Amino acid sequence: MHSISYLIRAKEIQDFAAQFYEPGRHDKCYKQVWLKHVFPKYGFNYNTFLRYMRVDTSCLEELLVEQE
């Protein structure tokens, strides 16, 4: 299981992708979302971005409630 901070970061990145990604458009593909929005803020490479996209963040809300 990942740490809470890792899950929060993964959720933020997944939200960026959901907001800016459009299938079928090369100017809004995952690589462009990473290049224009994620890389300037977080500074990690494209493979790391794809790894964050695969993280299951569904348990994040439970963990945050537990922690309080």
PDB file of N, CA and C in Angstrom:
ATOM      1  N   MET A   1       0.840  -1.178   0.000  1.00  0.00           N
ATOM      2  CA  MET A   1       0.000   0.000   0.000  1.00  0.00           C
ATOM      3  C   MET A   1       0.887   1.244   0.000  1.00  0.00           C
ATOM      4  N   HIS A   2       0.423   2.268  -0.664  1.00  0.00           N
ATOM      5  CA  HIS A   2       1.188   3.511  -0.771  1.00  0.00           C
ATOM      6  C   HIS A   2       0.880   4.434   0.397  1.00  0.00           C
ATOM      7  N   SER A   3       1.774   5.385   0.601  1.00  0.00           N
ATOM      8  CA  SER A   3       1.544   6.367   1.659  1.00  0.00           C
ATOM      9  C   SER A   3       0.438   7.329   1.233  1.00  0.00           C
ATOM     10  N   ILE A   4      -0.101   8.033   2.204  1.00  0.00           N
ATOM     11  CA  ILE A   4      -1.205   8.949   1.925  1.00  0.00           C
ATOM     12  C   ILE A   4      -0.755  10.086   1.014  1.00  0.00           C
ATOM     13  N   SER A   5       0.436  10.612   1.229  1.00  0.00           N
ATOM     14  CA  SER A   5       0.919  11.715   0.389  1.00  0.00           C
ATOM     15  C   SER A   5       1.089  11.264  -1.067  1.00  0.00           C
ATOM     16  N   TYR A   6       1.529  10.032  -1.271  1.00  0.00           N
ATOM     17  CA  TYR A   6       1.666   9.485  -2.620  1.00  0.00           C
ATOM     18  C   TYR A   6       0.291   9.383  -3.288  1.00  0.00           C
ATOM     19  N   LEU A   7      -0.703   8.917  -2.543  1.00  0.00           N
ATOM     20  CA  LEU A   7      -2.051   8.782  -3.083  1.00  0.00           C
ATOM     21  C   LEU A   7      -2.669  10.148  -3.398  1.00  0.00           C
ATOM     22  N   ILE A   8      -2.408  11.135  -2.552  1.00  0.00           N
ATOM     23  CA  ILE A   8      -2.912  12.485  -2.810  1.00  0.00           C
ATOM     24  C   ILE A   8      -2.300  13.048  -4.084  1.00  0.00           C
ATOM     25  N   ARG A   9      -0.991  12.876  -4.248  1.00  0.00           N
ATOM     26  CA  ARG A   9      -0.310  13.351  -5.451  1.00  0.00           C
ATOM     27  C   ARG A   9      -0.830  12.626  -6.690  1.00  0.00           C
ATOM     28  N   ALA A  10      -1.042  11.322  -6.588  1.00  0.00           N
ATOM     29  CA  ALA A  10      -1.568  10.550  -7.716  1.00  0.00           C
ATOM     30  C   ALA A  10      -2.961  11.029  -8.085  1.00  0.00           C
ATOM     31  N   LYS A  11      -3.781  11.334  -7.098  1.00  0.00           N
ATOM     32  CA  LYS A  11      -5.137  11.821  -7.353  1.00  0.00           C
ATOM     33  C   LYS A  11      -5.100  13.173  -8.047  1.00  0.00           C
ATOM     34  N   GLU A  12      -4.208  14.067  -7.623  1.00  0.00           N
ATOM     35  CA  GLU A  12      -4.071  15.372  -8.275  1.00  0.00           C
ATOM     36  C   GLU A  12      -3.668  15.216  -9.737  1.00  0.00           C
ATOM     37  N   ILE A  13      -2.741  14.321  -9.994  1.00  0.00           N
ATOM     38  CA  ILE A  13      -2.269  14.104 -11.357  1.00  0.00           C
ATOM     39  C   ILE A  13      -3.375  13.486 -12.211  1.00  0.00           C
ATOM     40  N   GLN A  14      -4.112  12.550 -11.656  1.00  0.00           N
ATOM     41  CA  GLN A  14      -5.229  11.949 -12.384  1.00  0.00           C
ATOM     42  C   GLN A  14      -6.309  12.991 -12.675  1.00  0.00           C
ATOM     43  N   ASP A  15      -6.511  13.925 -11.771  1.00  0.00           N
ATOM     44  CA  ASP A  15      -7.477  14.999 -12.005  1.00  0.00           C
ATOM     45  C   ASP A  15      -7.012  15.935 -13.118  1.00  0.00           C
ATOM     46  N   PHE A  16      -5.703  16.255 -13.151  1.00  0.00           N
ATOM     47  CA  PHE A  16      -5.148  17.042 -14.258  1.00  0.00           C
ATOM     48  C   PHE A  16      -5.441  16.351 -15.586  1.00  0.00           C
ATOM     49  N   ALA A  17      -5.163  15.071 -15.637  1.00  0.00           N
ATOM     50  CA  ALA A  17      -5.353  14.316 -16.879  1.00  0.00           C
ATOM     51  C   ALA A  17      -6.831  14.289 -17.273  1.00  0.00           C
ATOM     52  N   ALA A  18      -7.714  14.104 -16.310  1.00  0.00           N
ATOM     53  CA  ALA A  18      -9.148  14.077 -16.611  1.00  0.00           C
ATOM     54  C   ALA A  18      -9.617  15.433 -17.138  1.00  0.00           C
ATOM     55  N   GLN A  19      -9.024  16.488 -16.652  1.00  0.00           N
ATOM     56  CA  GLN A  19      -9.429  17.832 -17.056  1.00  0.00           C
ATOM     57  C   GLN A  19      -8.931  18.177 -18.459  1.00  0.00           C
ATOM     58  N   PHE A  20      -7.708  17.795 -18.800  1.00  0.00           N
ATOM     59  CA  PHE A  20      -7.088  18.268 -20.039  1.00  0.00           C
ATOM     60  C   PHE A  20      -6.997  17.225 -21.149  1.00  0.00           C
ATOM     61  N   TYR A  21      -7.112  15.942 -20.848  1.00  0.00           N
ATOM     62  CA  TYR A  21      -6.963  14.884 -21.847  1.00  0.00           C
ATOM     63  C   TYR A  21      -8.212  14.761 -22.714  1.00  0.00           C
ATOM     64  N   GLU A  22      -8.003  14.625 -24.028  1.00  0.00           N
ATOM     65  CA  GLU A  22      -9.100  14.355 -24.962  1.00  0.00           C
ATOM     66  C   GLU A  22      -8.630  13.264 -25.918  1.00  0.00           C
ATOM     67  N   PRO A  23      -9.303  12.115 -25.919  1.00  0.00           N
ATOM     68  CA  PRO A  23      -8.888  11.034 -26.821  1.00  0.00           C
ATOM     69  C   PRO A  23      -9.055  11.446 -28.280  1.00  0.00           C
ATOM     70  N   GLY A  24      -8.101  11.050 -29.099  1.00  0.00           N
ATOM     71  CA  GLY A  24      -8.157  11.347 -30.522  1.00  0.00           C
ATOM     72  C   GLY A  24      -7.529  12.669 -30.916  1.00  0.00           C
ATOM     73  N   ARG A  25      -7.152  13.482 -29.957  1.00  0.00           N
ATOM     74  CA  ARG A  25      -6.511  14.766 -30.271  1.00  0.00           C
ATOM     75  C   ARG A  25      -5.056  14.700 -29.844  1.00  0.00           C
ATOM     76  N   HIS A  26      -4.168  14.914 -30.805  1.00  0.00           N
ATOM     77  CA  HIS A  26      -2.739  14.820 -30.507  1.00  0.00           C
ATOM     78  C   HIS A  26      -2.247  15.988 -29.668  1.00  0.00           C
ATOM     79  N   ASP A  27      -2.931  17.113 -29.734  1.00  0.00           N
ATOM     80  CA  ASP A  27      -2.508  18.247 -28.922  1.00  0.00           C
ATOM     81  C   ASP A  27      -3.008  18.154 -27.484  1.00  0.00           C
ATOM     82  N   LYS A  28      -3.853  17.149 -27.189  1.00  0.00           N
ATOM     83  CA  LYS A  28      -4.348  16.954 -25.824  1.00  0.00           C
ATOM     84  C   LYS A  28      -4.200  15.504 -25.385  1.00  0.00           C
ATOM     85  N   CYS A  29      -3.179  14.824 -25.906  1.00  0.00           N
ATOM     86  CA  CYS A  29      -2.895  13.443 -25.506  1.00  0.00           C
ATOM     87  C   CYS A  29      -2.192  13.460 -24.146  1.00  0.00           C
ATOM     88  N   TYR A  30      -1.973  12.285 -23.558  1.00  0.00           N
ATOM     89  CA  TYR A  30      -1.345  12.215 -22.237  1.00  0.00           C
ATOM     90  C   TYR A  30       0.042  12.847 -22.234  1.00  0.00           C
ATOM     91  N   LYS A  31       0.780  12.666 -23.297  1.00  0.00           N
ATOM     92  CA  LYS A  31       2.136  13.233 -23.334  1.00  0.00           C
ATOM     93  C   LYS A  31       2.082  14.765 -23.288  1.00  0.00           C
ATOM     94  N   GLN A  32       1.119  15.353 -23.989  1.00  0.00           N
ATOM     95  CA  GLN A  32       0.989  16.811 -23.968  1.00  0.00           C
ATOM     96  C   GLN A  32       0.459  17.313 -22.626  1.00  0.00           C
ATOM     97  N   VAL A  33      -0.441  16.559 -22.010  1.00  0.00           N
ATOM     98  CA  VAL A  33      -0.923  16.925 -20.673  1.00  0.00           C
ATOM     99  C   VAL A  33       0.249  16.924 -19.701  1.00  0.00           C
ATOM    100  N   TRP A  34       1.084  15.887 -19.788  1.00  0.00           N
ATOM    101  CA  TRP A  34       2.264  15.823 -18.924  1.00  0.00           C
ATOM    102  C   TRP A  34       3.188  17.010 -19.199  1.00  0.00           C
ATOM    103  N   LEU A  35       3.452  17.282 -20.483  1.00  0.00           N
ATOM    104  CA  LEU A  35       4.414  18.316 -20.852  1.00  0.00           C
ATOM    105  C   LEU A  35       3.942  19.715 -20.465  1.00  0.00           C
ATOM    106  N   LYS A  36       2.671  20.013 -20.681  1.00  0.00           N
ATOM    107  CA  LYS A  36       2.172  21.371 -20.463  1.00  0.00           C
ATOM    108  C   LYS A  36       1.703  21.640 -19.036  1.00  0.00           C
ATOM    109  N   HIS A  37       1.218  20.624 -18.335  1.00  0.00           N
ATOM    110  CA  HIS A  37       0.594  20.877 -17.045  1.00  0.00           C
ATOM    111  C   HIS A  37       1.277  20.175 -15.869  1.00  0.00           C
ATOM    112  N   VAL A  38       1.658  18.924 -16.049  1.00  0.00           N
ATOM    113  CA  VAL A  38       2.197  18.154 -14.931  1.00  0.00           C
ATOM    114  C   VAL A  38       3.694  18.413 -14.739  1.00  0.00           C
ATOM    115  N   PHE A  39       4.473  18.352 -15.802  1.00  0.00           N
ATOM    116  CA  PHE A  39       5.920  18.528 -15.684  1.00  0.00           C
ATOM    117  C   PHE A  39       6.314  19.875 -15.074  1.00  0.00           C
ATOM    118  N   PRO A  40       5.711  20.995 -15.500  1.00  0.00           N
ATOM    119  CA  PRO A  40       6.111  22.264 -14.867  1.00  0.00           C
ATOM    120  C   PRO A  40       5.819  22.326 -13.366  1.00  0.00           C
ATOM    121  N   LYS A  41       4.765  21.665 -12.915  1.00  0.00           N
ATOM    122  CA  LYS A  41       4.406  21.719 -11.495  1.00  0.00           C
ATOM    123  C   LYS A  41       5.179  20.717 -10.653  1.00  0.00           C
ATOM    124  N   TYR A  42       5.309  19.470 -11.147  1.00  0.00           N
ATOM    125  CA  TYR A  42       5.908  18.398 -10.343  1.00  0.00           C
ATOM    126  C   TYR A  42       7.339  18.051 -10.757  1.00  0.00           C
ATOM    127  N   GLY A  43       7.693  18.258 -12.009  1.00  0.00           N
ATOM    128  CA  GLY A  43       9.070  18.073 -12.452  1.00  0.00           C
ATOM    129  C   GLY A  43       9.533  16.637 -12.624  1.00  0.00           C
ATOM    130  N   PHE A  44       8.625  15.676 -12.792  1.00  0.00           N
ATOM    131  CA  PHE A  44       9.072  14.308 -13.019  1.00  0.00           C
ATOM    132  C   PHE A  44       8.815  13.880 -14.454  1.00  0.00           C
ATOM    133  N   ASN A  45       9.447  12.771 -14.860  1.00  0.00           N
ATOM    134  CA  ASN A  45       9.419  12.369 -16.257  1.00  0.00           C
ATOM    135  C   ASN A  45       8.096  11.691 -16.647  1.00  0.00           C
ATOM    136  N   TYR A  46       7.967  11.413 -17.930  1.00  0.00           N
ATOM    137  CA  TYR A  46       6.725  10.889 -18.498  1.00  0.00           C
ATOM    138  C   TYR A  46       6.393   9.497 -17.961  1.00  0.00           C
ATOM    139  N   ASN A  47       7.393   8.643 -17.765  1.00  0.00           N
ATOM    140  CA  ASN A  47       7.130   7.304 -17.237  1.00  0.00           C
ATOM    141  C   ASN A  47       6.570   7.365 -15.817  1.00  0.00           C
ATOM    142  N   THR A  48       7.049   8.293 -15.030  1.00  0.00           N
ATOM    143  CA  THR A  48       6.513   8.472 -13.681  1.00  0.00           C
ATOM    144  C   THR A  48       5.070   8.950 -13.751  1.00  0.00           C
ATOM    145  N   PHE A  49       4.783   9.837 -14.683  1.00  0.00           N
ATOM    146  CA  PHE A  49       3.402  10.304 -14.893  1.00  0.00           C
ATOM    147  C   PHE A  49       2.480   9.121 -15.204  1.00  0.00           C
ATOM    148  N   LEU A  50       2.914   8.241 -16.090  1.00  0.00           N
ATOM    149  CA  LEU A  50       2.090   7.076 -16.437  1.00  0.00           C
ATOM    150  C   LEU A  50       1.913   6.144 -15.240  1.00  0.00           C
ATOM    151  N   ARG A  51       2.931   6.029 -14.401  1.00  0.00           N
ATOM    152  CA  ARG A  51       2.815   5.203 -13.205  1.00  0.00           C
ATOM    153  C   ARG A  51       1.773   5.788 -12.252  1.00  0.00           C
ATOM    154  N   TYR A  52       1.785   7.115 -12.080  1.00  0.00           N
ATOM    155  CA  TYR A  52       0.777   7.759 -11.236  1.00  0.00           C
ATOM    156  C   TYR A  52      -0.629   7.573 -11.807  1.00  0.00           C
ATOM    157  N   MET A  53      -0.743   7.517 -13.115  1.00  0.00           N
ATOM    158  CA  MET A  53      -2.055   7.342 -13.736  1.00  0.00           C
ATOM    159  C   MET A  53      -2.642   5.959 -13.437  1.00  0.00           C
ATOM    160  N   ARG A  54      -1.795   4.978 -13.169  1.00  0.00           N
ATOM    161  CA  ARG A  54      -2.264   3.612 -12.895  1.00  0.00           C
ATOM    162  C   ARG A  54      -2.570   3.347 -11.424  1.00  0.00           C
ATOM    163  N   VAL A  55      -2.253   4.280 -10.544  1.00  0.00           N
ATOM    164  CA  VAL A  55      -2.459   4.074  -9.111  1.00  0.00           C
ATOM    165  C   VAL A  55      -3.950   4.110  -8.788  1.00  0.00           C
ATOM    166  N   ASP A  56      -4.392   3.157  -7.981  1.00  0.00           N
ATOM    167  CA  ASP A  56      -5.781   3.120  -7.533  1.00  0.00           C
ATOM    168  C   ASP A  56      -5.926   4.049  -6.329  1.00  0.00           C
ATOM    169  N   THR A  57      -6.659   5.139  -6.499  1.00  0.00           N
ATOM    170  CA  THR A  57      -6.820   6.123  -5.430  1.00  0.00           C
ATOM    171  C   THR A  57      -8.204   6.037  -4.778  1.00  0.00           C
ATOM    172  N   SER A  58      -8.905   4.960  -4.996  1.00  0.00           N
ATOM    173  CA  SER A  58     -10.266   4.844  -4.463  1.00  0.00           C
ATOM    174  C   SER A  58     -10.289   4.759  -2.934  1.00  0.00           C
ATOM    175  N   CYS A  59      -9.229   4.297  -2.316  1.00  0.00           N
ATOM    176  CA  CYS A  59      -9.202   4.167  -0.846  1.00  0.00           C
ATOM    177  C   CYS A  59      -8.721   5.445  -0.161  1.00  0.00           C
ATOM    178  N   LEU A  60      -8.419   6.484  -0.912  1.00  0.00           N
ATOM    179  CA  LEU A  60      -7.861   7.706  -0.348  1.00  0.00           C
ATOM    180  C   LEU A  60      -8.812   8.385   0.644  1.00  0.00           C
ATOM    181  N   GLU A  61     -10.077   8.492   0.307  1.00  0.00           N
ATOM    182  CA  GLU A  61     -11.022   9.160   1.209  1.00  0.00           C
ATOM    183  C   GLU A  61     -11.153   8.417   2.534  1.00  0.00           C
ATOM    184  N   GLU A  62     -11.170   7.088   2.488  1.00  0.00           N
ATOM    185  CA  GLU A  62     -11.221   6.299   3.719  1.00  0.00           C
ATOM    186  C   GLU A  62     -10.025   6.578   4.621  1.00  0.00           C
ATOM    187  N   LEU A  63      -8.847   6.610   4.006  1.00  0.00           N
ATOM    188  CA  LEU A  63      -7.632   6.835   4.777  1.00  0.00           C
ATOM    189  C   LEU A  63      -7.613   8.241   5.401  1.00  0.00           C
ATOM    190  N   LEU A  64      -8.102   9.234   4.670  1.00  0.00           N
ATOM    191  CA  LEU A  64      -8.127  10.585   5.208  1.00  0.00           C
ATOM    192  C   LEU A  64      -9.109  10.703   6.370  1.00  0.00           C
ATOM    193  N   VAL A  65     -10.236  10.032   6.291  1.00  0.00           N
ATOM    194  CA  VAL A  65     -11.210  10.048   7.385  1.00  0.00           C
ATOM    195  C   VAL A  65     -10.647   9.311   8.594  1.00  0.00           C
ATOM    196  N   GLU A  66      -9.987   8.191   8.367  1.00  0.00           N
ATOM    197  CA  GLU A  66      -9.364   7.415   9.443  1.00  0.00           C
ATOM    198  C   GLU A  66      -8.334   8.233  10.192  1.00  0.00           C
ATOM    199  N   GLN A  67      -7.567   9.028   9.451  1.00  0.00           N
ATOM    200  CA  GLN A  67      -6.479   9.778  10.038  1.00  0.00           C
ATOM    201  C   GLN A  67      -6.976  10.889  10.969  1.00  0.00           C
ATOM    202  N   GLU A  68      -8.161  11.402  10.697  1.00  0.00           N
ATOM    203  CA  GLU A  68      -8.703  12.492  11.534  1.00  0.00           C
ATOM    204  C   GLU A  68      -9.183  11.941  12.789  1.00  0.00           C
TER     205      GLU A  68
END
